[in-house]
Protein backbone atom coordinates (compact mmCIF):
# COMPACT_ATOMS: atom_id res chain seq x y z
CA MET A 1 33.66 -30.57 -25.79
CA GLY A 2 32.44 -27.24 -24.30
CA THR A 3 29.43 -27.28 -26.65
CA ALA A 4 28.53 -30.75 -25.55
CA ARG A 5 28.72 -29.80 -21.93
CA THR A 6 26.57 -26.75 -22.43
CA THR A 7 23.93 -28.80 -24.35
CA HIS A 8 23.98 -31.38 -21.49
CA GLN A 9 23.38 -28.60 -18.89
CA LEU A 10 20.53 -27.14 -20.98
CA ARG A 11 18.90 -30.59 -21.14
CA LYS A 12 19.20 -30.95 -17.37
CA PHE A 13 17.05 -27.88 -16.84
CA ARG A 14 13.45 -28.64 -17.50
CA PHE A 15 10.57 -26.11 -17.39
CA GLU A 16 7.93 -28.58 -16.20
CA ARG A 17 4.93 -28.37 -13.86
CA PRO A 18 6.81 -27.53 -10.62
CA GLN A 19 8.69 -24.67 -12.33
CA LYS A 20 5.44 -23.37 -14.00
CA ILE A 21 3.70 -23.40 -10.62
CA ALA A 22 6.62 -21.46 -9.08
CA VAL A 23 6.58 -18.97 -11.89
CA ALA A 24 2.86 -18.42 -11.50
CA MET A 25 3.35 -17.74 -7.79
CA LEU A 26 6.09 -15.29 -8.48
CA LEU A 27 3.93 -13.56 -11.06
CA VAL A 28 1.30 -13.15 -8.25
CA LEU A 29 3.97 -11.47 -6.09
CA LEU A 30 4.92 -9.31 -9.07
CA GLY A 31 1.29 -8.33 -9.54
CA GLU A 32 0.95 -7.42 -5.83
CA CYS A 33 4.00 -5.21 -5.98
CA LEU A 34 2.93 -3.48 -9.19
CA TRP A 35 -0.58 -2.85 -7.84
CA VAL A 36 0.83 -1.30 -4.64
CA SER A 37 3.46 0.70 -6.42
CA ALA A 38 0.95 2.09 -8.91
CA ARG A 39 -1.29 3.34 -6.13
CA GLN A 40 1.31 4.48 -3.70
CA PRO A 41 2.22 8.16 -3.99
CA LEU A 42 5.83 9.27 -4.20
CA SER A 43 7.34 10.30 -0.89
CA GLU A 44 10.19 12.59 0.12
CA THR A 45 12.35 9.40 0.63
CA ASP A 46 11.58 8.41 -2.94
CA TYR A 47 12.83 11.76 -4.28
CA GLN A 48 15.92 11.53 -2.15
CA PHE A 49 16.93 8.11 -3.46
CA ALA A 50 16.14 9.12 -6.96
CA ARG A 51 18.07 12.41 -6.87
CA CYS A 52 21.11 10.95 -5.06
CA GLY A 53 21.11 7.84 -7.31
CA ARG A 54 20.93 9.91 -10.44
CA GLU A 55 23.86 12.05 -9.37
CA MET A 56 25.96 8.93 -8.68
CA TRP A 57 25.51 7.78 -12.21
CA GLU A 58 25.50 11.10 -14.04
CA ARG A 59 27.46 13.69 -12.04
CA PRO A 60 29.52 12.13 -9.24
CA SER A 61 31.47 14.43 -6.91
CA PRO A 62 29.73 17.71 -7.90
CA LEU A 63 31.13 19.43 -4.79
CA THR A 64 34.61 19.29 -3.45
CA GLY A 65 34.91 16.70 -0.78
CA TYR A 66 31.46 15.20 -1.28
CA PHE A 67 30.28 12.27 -3.34
CA THR A 68 26.89 13.81 -4.16
CA THR A 69 24.88 16.89 -3.09
CA CYS A 70 23.29 14.52 -0.64
CA GLY A 71 26.70 14.20 1.06
CA ASN A 72 28.86 11.10 1.48
CA ILE A 73 26.76 7.96 1.85
CA HIS A 74 28.06 6.11 4.90
CA ASP A 75 26.17 2.88 4.27
CA GLY A 76 23.75 1.33 1.84
CA ILE A 77 24.95 2.86 -1.36
CA LEU A 78 23.41 0.02 -3.42
CA ALA A 79 19.81 1.25 -2.98
CA TYR A 80 20.79 4.71 -4.34
CA ARG A 81 22.53 3.12 -7.32
CA ALA A 82 19.51 0.86 -7.95
CA ALA A 83 16.98 3.67 -7.70
CA GLY A 84 18.94 6.00 -9.93
CA LEU A 85 19.98 3.60 -12.70
CA PRO A 86 16.54 3.20 -14.40
CA LEU A 87 15.93 6.90 -14.23
CA THR A 88 19.32 7.61 -15.83
CA LEU A 89 18.68 5.04 -18.50
CA GLY A 90 15.29 6.46 -19.08
CA ARG A 91 16.82 9.96 -19.47
CA LEU A 92 19.27 8.66 -22.08
CA VAL A 93 16.51 6.87 -24.01
CA THR A 94 14.23 9.93 -24.03
CA GLY A 95 17.05 12.32 -24.72
CA GLN A 96 16.54 14.47 -21.76
CA ALA A 97 19.33 16.84 -20.58
CA ALA A 98 21.65 15.69 -17.90
CA THR A 99 20.78 18.72 -15.83
CA THR A 100 17.13 17.70 -15.55
CA SER A 101 16.36 17.36 -11.83
CA THR A 102 14.34 14.53 -10.40
CA TRP A 103 11.78 17.06 -9.29
CA GLU A 104 11.26 18.14 -12.91
CA MET A 105 11.51 14.65 -14.14
CA ARG A 106 8.47 13.48 -12.15
CA HIS A 107 6.30 15.75 -14.26
CA GLU A 108 8.00 14.71 -17.60
CA VAL A 109 8.08 10.93 -17.15
CA GLY A 110 4.74 9.37 -16.23
CA ALA A 111 6.32 6.06 -15.33
CA ILE A 112 8.77 7.49 -12.79
CA LYS A 113 7.18 5.55 -9.97
CA LEU A 114 7.68 2.24 -11.74
CA LEU A 115 11.18 3.19 -12.93
CA LEU A 116 12.23 4.19 -9.48
CA ARG A 117 10.76 1.16 -7.70
CA LEU A 118 11.36 -1.48 -10.37
CA PRO A 119 14.85 -2.60 -9.10
CA PHE A 120 13.37 -3.29 -5.66
CA ILE A 121 10.35 -5.13 -7.08
CA LEU A 122 12.77 -7.30 -9.17
CA ALA A 123 14.91 -7.89 -6.05
CA GLY A 124 11.85 -9.11 -4.13
CA VAL A 125 10.95 -11.45 -7.02
CA ALA A 126 14.59 -12.59 -7.36
CA LEU A 127 14.71 -13.51 -3.62
CA GLY A 128 11.53 -15.45 -4.09
CA ALA A 129 13.17 -17.35 -6.99
CA CYS A 130 16.26 -18.08 -4.82
CA LEU A 131 13.98 -19.31 -2.03
CA TRP A 132 12.14 -21.60 -4.36
CA TRP A 133 15.38 -22.99 -5.79
CA VAL A 134 16.87 -23.68 -2.35
CA THR A 135 13.69 -25.14 -0.73
CA ARG A 136 12.79 -27.33 -3.65
CA ARG A 137 16.28 -28.84 -3.68
CA LEU A 138 16.19 -29.38 0.01
CA PHE A 139 12.59 -30.34 0.67
CA GLY A 140 11.09 -31.35 -2.69
CA ASN A 141 8.16 -29.85 -4.55
CA GLU A 142 5.86 -29.61 -1.51
CA GLY A 143 8.36 -27.84 0.70
CA GLY A 144 9.17 -25.47 -2.18
CA TYR A 145 5.48 -24.68 -2.72
CA ILE A 146 4.80 -24.04 0.98
CA SER A 147 7.82 -21.81 1.35
CA LEU A 148 7.26 -19.85 -1.85
CA ALA A 149 3.59 -19.29 -0.97
CA LEU A 150 4.35 -17.92 2.49
CA TYR A 151 6.95 -15.63 0.86
CA CYS A 152 4.77 -14.36 -1.94
CA PHE A 153 1.93 -13.58 0.55
CA SER A 154 4.04 -11.87 3.10
CA PRO A 155 3.00 -8.21 3.64
CA ALA A 156 6.52 -7.35 4.81
CA VAL A 157 8.03 -8.63 1.53
CA VAL A 158 5.52 -6.69 -0.63
CA ARG A 159 6.09 -3.53 1.41
CA ALA A 160 9.82 -3.74 1.24
CA SER A 161 9.74 -4.50 -2.50
CA THR A 162 7.70 -1.33 -3.42
CA VAL A 163 9.83 1.43 -1.93
CA PRO A 164 13.46 2.32 -2.38
CA ASN A 165 15.40 0.69 0.48
CA ASN A 166 18.40 -1.44 1.25
CA GLU A 167 16.58 -4.07 3.29
CA ILE A 168 15.19 -6.22 0.50
CA LEU A 169 18.61 -5.98 -1.25
CA ALA A 170 20.43 -7.05 1.93
CA ALA A 171 17.94 -9.93 2.41
CA LEU A 172 18.64 -11.14 -1.15
CA GLY A 173 22.35 -10.78 -0.58
CA ILE A 174 22.48 -12.63 2.77
CA PHE A 175 20.23 -15.51 1.65
CA SER A 176 22.16 -15.97 -1.62
CA ALA A 177 25.58 -15.70 0.04
CA ILE A 178 24.89 -18.25 2.76
CA TYR A 179 23.36 -20.84 0.48
CA THR A 180 26.07 -20.24 -2.12
CA ALA A 181 28.71 -20.80 0.55
CA ILE A 182 27.07 -24.17 1.36
CA GLY A 183 27.20 -24.96 -2.29
CA VAL A 184 30.88 -24.03 -2.41
CA SER A 185 31.51 -26.30 0.54
CA HIS A 186 29.93 -29.26 -1.32
CA ALA A 187 31.81 -28.29 -4.51
CA LEU A 188 35.19 -28.46 -2.61
CA GLN A 189 34.56 -32.17 -2.20
CA GLY A 190 34.53 -32.55 -5.99
CA PRO A 191 36.85 -31.71 -8.90
CA LYS A 192 38.57 -28.31 -8.84
CA ARG A 193 37.10 -27.21 -12.16
CA LYS A 194 33.80 -26.78 -10.33
CA TRP A 195 35.17 -24.57 -7.66
CA ARG A 196 35.87 -21.38 -9.60
CA PRO A 197 32.34 -20.38 -10.81
CA ARG A 198 30.91 -20.87 -7.30
CA ILE A 199 33.78 -18.98 -5.61
CA VAL A 200 33.29 -16.09 -8.06
CA LEU A 201 29.53 -16.19 -7.47
CA LEU A 202 29.96 -16.05 -3.74
CA THR A 203 32.41 -13.09 -3.98
CA VAL A 204 29.79 -11.21 -6.06
CA ALA A 205 27.07 -12.10 -3.56
CA LEU A 206 29.20 -10.82 -0.62
CA GLY A 207 30.08 -7.61 -2.50
CA PHE A 208 26.39 -7.06 -3.29
CA THR A 209 25.56 -7.56 0.34
CA ALA A 210 28.27 -5.19 1.53
CA ALA A 211 26.94 -2.49 -0.78
CA ALA A 212 23.47 -2.97 0.70
CA HIS A 213 24.51 -2.93 4.39
CA LEU A 214 27.93 -3.34 5.89
CA ALA A 215 26.36 -5.10 8.92
CA ALA A 216 24.65 -7.60 6.58
CA PHE A 217 27.98 -8.41 4.98
CA VAL A 218 29.56 -9.05 8.34
CA VAL A 219 26.72 -11.39 9.31
CA ALA A 220 26.84 -13.16 5.93
CA LEU A 221 30.68 -13.64 6.20
CA VAL A 222 30.39 -15.08 9.73
CA PHE A 223 27.78 -17.65 8.76
CA THR A 224 29.72 -18.36 5.55
CA VAL A 225 32.70 -19.40 7.56
CA ILE A 226 30.67 -21.33 10.09
CA PHE A 227 28.76 -23.41 7.55
CA MET A 228 31.84 -23.98 5.39
CA ALA A 229 33.66 -25.25 8.43
CA TRP A 230 30.70 -27.49 9.18
CA VAL A 231 30.34 -28.91 5.65
CA ALA A 232 33.77 -28.78 4.08
CA GLU A 233 35.32 -31.37 6.42
CA GLU A 234 38.63 -32.50 4.77
CA ARG A 235 38.77 -29.27 2.74
CA ARG A 236 38.72 -26.86 5.70
CA ALA A 237 42.30 -25.91 5.11
CA TYR A 238 41.17 -23.95 2.06
CA ILE A 239 38.85 -21.69 4.16
CA PRO A 240 41.49 -19.05 5.28
CA THR A 241 42.64 -18.52 1.69
CA LEU A 242 39.07 -18.33 0.37
CA LEU A 243 38.11 -15.96 3.14
CA ILE A 244 40.86 -13.50 2.03
CA VAL A 245 39.64 -13.77 -1.52
CA TRP A 246 36.02 -13.04 -0.55
CA VAL A 247 36.81 -10.14 1.75
CA LEU A 248 39.11 -8.46 -0.74
CA GLY A 249 36.80 -9.12 -3.63
CA ALA A 250 33.69 -7.91 -1.75
CA PHE A 251 35.48 -4.63 -0.69
CA PHE A 252 36.70 -4.13 -4.26
CA LEU A 253 33.10 -4.33 -5.47
CA LEU A 254 32.05 -1.94 -2.64
CA PHE A 255 34.83 0.45 -3.65
CA ALA A 256 33.62 0.22 -7.22
CA SER A 257 30.16 1.19 -6.12
CA TYR A 258 31.61 4.44 -4.85
CA ALA A 259 33.07 4.98 -8.33
CA PHE A 260 36.56 4.41 -6.85
CA HIS A 261 36.18 7.68 -4.99
CA PRO A 262 38.53 7.17 -1.98
CA ASP A 263 37.16 9.98 0.25
CA ALA A 264 33.54 8.80 -0.12
CA PHE A 265 34.56 5.19 0.38
CA SER A 266 36.45 6.09 3.54
CA TYR A 267 33.16 6.97 5.28
CA VAL A 268 32.33 3.21 5.27
CA PHE A 269 35.09 2.73 7.79
CA ARG A 270 34.62 5.97 9.72
CA SER A 271 30.94 5.46 10.29
CA ALA A 272 29.22 3.14 12.79
CA ALA A 273 27.63 1.02 10.02
CA GLY A 274 29.02 -2.20 11.40
CA GLN A 275 27.87 -1.71 15.02
CA MET A 276 25.31 -4.34 16.16
CA TRP A 277 23.49 -5.57 19.21
CA PHE A 278 20.55 -7.82 20.13
CA SER A 279 16.99 -6.97 21.15
CA LEU A 280 13.64 -8.77 21.60
CA GLU A 281 11.76 -5.71 20.27
CA PRO A 282 11.94 -6.47 16.49
CA ALA A 283 10.64 -10.05 17.07
CA ARG A 284 7.91 -8.78 19.46
CA TRP A 285 6.75 -6.22 16.90
CA PHE A 286 6.74 -8.65 14.02
CA PHE A 287 5.10 -11.64 15.61
CA THR A 288 2.37 -9.56 17.31
CA ALA A 289 1.37 -7.73 14.14
CA PRO A 290 -2.09 -9.00 12.97
CA GLU A 291 -0.92 -9.23 9.37
CA ASN A 292 1.71 -11.76 10.28
CA SER A 293 -0.54 -13.91 12.54
CA ALA A 294 -0.95 -16.83 10.19
CA PHE A 295 2.82 -17.10 9.61
CA THR A 296 3.42 -16.78 13.41
CA ILE A 297 1.16 -19.67 14.01
CA GLY A 298 2.94 -21.74 11.40
CA LEU A 299 6.31 -20.92 12.80
CA ILE A 300 5.18 -21.89 16.29
CA GLY A 301 3.86 -25.16 14.87
CA ALA A 302 7.13 -25.79 13.02
CA LEU A 303 9.13 -25.19 16.18
CA ALA A 304 6.99 -27.65 18.07
CA LEU A 305 7.42 -30.27 15.40
CA TYR A 306 11.13 -29.65 15.20
CA ALA A 307 11.34 -30.15 18.96
CA VAL A 308 9.42 -33.41 19.19
CA SER A 309 10.20 -35.08 15.85
CA ARG A 310 13.74 -36.40 15.32
CA ARG A 311 13.25 -36.67 11.55
CA THR A 312 12.98 -32.87 11.22
CA ARG A 313 16.28 -32.19 13.02
CA TYR A 314 18.75 -32.35 10.13
CA PHE A 315 21.08 -29.93 8.36
CA GLY A 316 18.51 -28.68 5.86
CA ASN A 317 16.12 -27.56 8.58
CA THR A 318 18.67 -26.58 11.17
CA THR A 319 20.56 -24.24 8.90
CA PRO A 320 17.84 -21.64 8.33
CA LEU A 321 16.77 -21.77 12.04
CA LEU A 322 20.35 -21.08 13.14
CA VAL A 323 20.48 -18.05 10.82
CA GLY A 324 16.91 -16.85 11.15
CA VAL A 325 16.74 -16.61 14.97
CA PRO A 326 19.78 -14.46 15.54
CA LEU A 327 18.81 -12.17 12.64
CA MET A 328 15.32 -11.66 14.09
CA LEU A 329 16.92 -10.48 17.33
CA LEU A 330 19.68 -8.43 15.68
CA VAL A 331 19.59 -4.54 15.68
CA THR A 332 22.15 -2.20 14.21
CA THR A 333 23.02 0.61 16.54
CA GLY A 334 24.98 2.79 14.16
CA VAL A 335 22.70 3.01 11.16
CA ALA A 336 18.99 2.37 10.47
CA SER A 337 18.22 -1.08 9.16
CA GLU A 338 15.75 -3.93 9.54
CA PRO A 339 17.58 -7.21 10.17
CA TRP A 340 14.24 -8.89 11.01
CA LEU A 341 13.47 -8.71 7.23
CA TRP A 342 16.77 -10.38 6.50
CA ALA A 343 15.67 -13.19 8.81
CA LEU A 344 12.29 -13.71 7.16
CA PRO A 345 13.47 -15.87 4.15
CA PHE A 346 15.30 -18.17 6.54
CA LEU A 347 12.33 -18.59 8.85
CA ILE A 348 10.10 -19.23 5.87
CA THR A 349 12.59 -21.86 4.68
CA PHE A 350 12.44 -23.44 8.12
CA VAL A 351 8.65 -23.60 8.14
CA GLY A 352 8.57 -25.06 4.64
CA GLY A 353 11.08 -27.73 5.45
CA VAL A 354 9.42 -28.91 8.69
CA PHE A 355 5.97 -28.90 7.15
CA ALA A 356 7.33 -30.86 4.14
CA ASP A 357 8.68 -33.44 6.58
CA ALA A 358 5.27 -33.58 8.31
CA LEU A 359 3.51 -34.28 5.08
CA GLU A 360 5.54 -37.45 4.80
CA ALA A 361 4.29 -38.74 8.18
CA ARG A 362 1.25 -41.01 8.56
CA TRP A 363 -0.96 -38.12 9.53
CA ARG A 364 -0.37 -36.63 6.09
CA LYS A 365 -4.05 -35.75 5.45
CA ALA A 366 -4.33 -33.74 8.69
CA PHE A 367 -1.13 -31.96 8.05
CA LEU A 368 -2.16 -31.19 4.44
CA TRP A 369 -5.35 -29.50 5.66
CA ALA A 370 -3.45 -27.58 8.29
CA THR A 371 -0.83 -26.43 5.75
CA GLY A 372 -3.52 -25.45 3.31
CA ALA A 373 -5.28 -23.39 5.99
CA LEU A 374 -2.00 -21.68 6.92
CA VAL A 375 -1.27 -20.67 3.34
CA VAL A 376 -4.83 -19.56 2.61
CA GLY A 377 -4.92 -17.57 5.91
CA GLN A 378 -1.60 -15.81 5.13
CA ALA A 379 -2.74 -15.08 1.59
CA GLY A 380 -6.00 -13.60 2.85
CA LEU A 381 -4.25 -11.42 5.33
CA CYS A 382 -1.77 -10.22 2.81
CA LEU A 383 -4.32 -9.36 0.10
CA ALA A 384 -6.54 -7.65 2.65
CA GLY A 385 -3.59 -5.52 3.76
CA LEU A 386 -2.63 -4.35 0.24
CA TRP A 387 -5.00 -1.35 0.49
CA GLY A 388 -3.31 -0.27 3.71
CA MET A 389 0.04 -0.05 1.88
CA THR A 390 -1.21 2.51 -0.64
CA GLY A 391 -1.97 5.26 1.74
């Protein structure tokens, strides 16, 4: 019975033309990231992430009262873990001594830049794959192509994917968590045997997000509850119980990321990692940057179409707009972060959805040319800006 079900699921997945096009676009993004990473020199921040990350995997708590020689990490431990893991695995494969410092290792391992940055490059590609999966299911092939193209040719995405940081990880976590929560809401309408895998997946996504940024976890949890209450309808009574499961599960995973070290984990609660406020400055900076001008024009056009066309105002388009706008205005006052980057996949999803609807109107040919010009323009700006990222 189980074998038959697995065979049926494998048959349902088809690697046909749409999937091949999406993979080709993601390979373009991967190529951009590898090109930038190969030409971008290592910085002091790179060394710090590498050194602290390696200590977490190899020699946690070397000093009494501290998690690493870098101190107790108040927020964003996931990026340190991600940066250090490939280096630690590389040390084990090459048989280097555990006492080898990152400063020495940079002379001994020629591929240290790729090893150090590979988890973040993969996170950027994974976020693109999630974006494609969501937008294609919501808006069809054309909506998926538009969204993925805008994502793959976003300078902000390439930049965030080629240096150790928590922002691309938090963006992946929030996007995955919110759309998984919507999937859980739909699953609650069906048989209970379909609930468990999605509930577990959402718990993991929330734990991943909490380890990237505590503020990102809070945001994801708030929107998870809002959209579940919106979609679940008759099953809303399950939300409080599920909320307890998700919060406890996420904090257990966060505790595990601190190697179950209570003192280091306590700094999560003693820090100001969850403090947030709103400001127009991030949006002003992003939308006035020349490298984002094509996307800015596309977003303005999508907002105009959303305002005047009733057919565009439905759940699939409204959801990313409701998330993207607050995130674009959000600032964290306790720790350094970039919530505007967390907002970007949602705004790209919104643009792709509205433009996909426009392509079904009677002015399809004009919208097709406009969409093509938007994508080509954004691609040109991104490719032209790659050289500026390697300085």
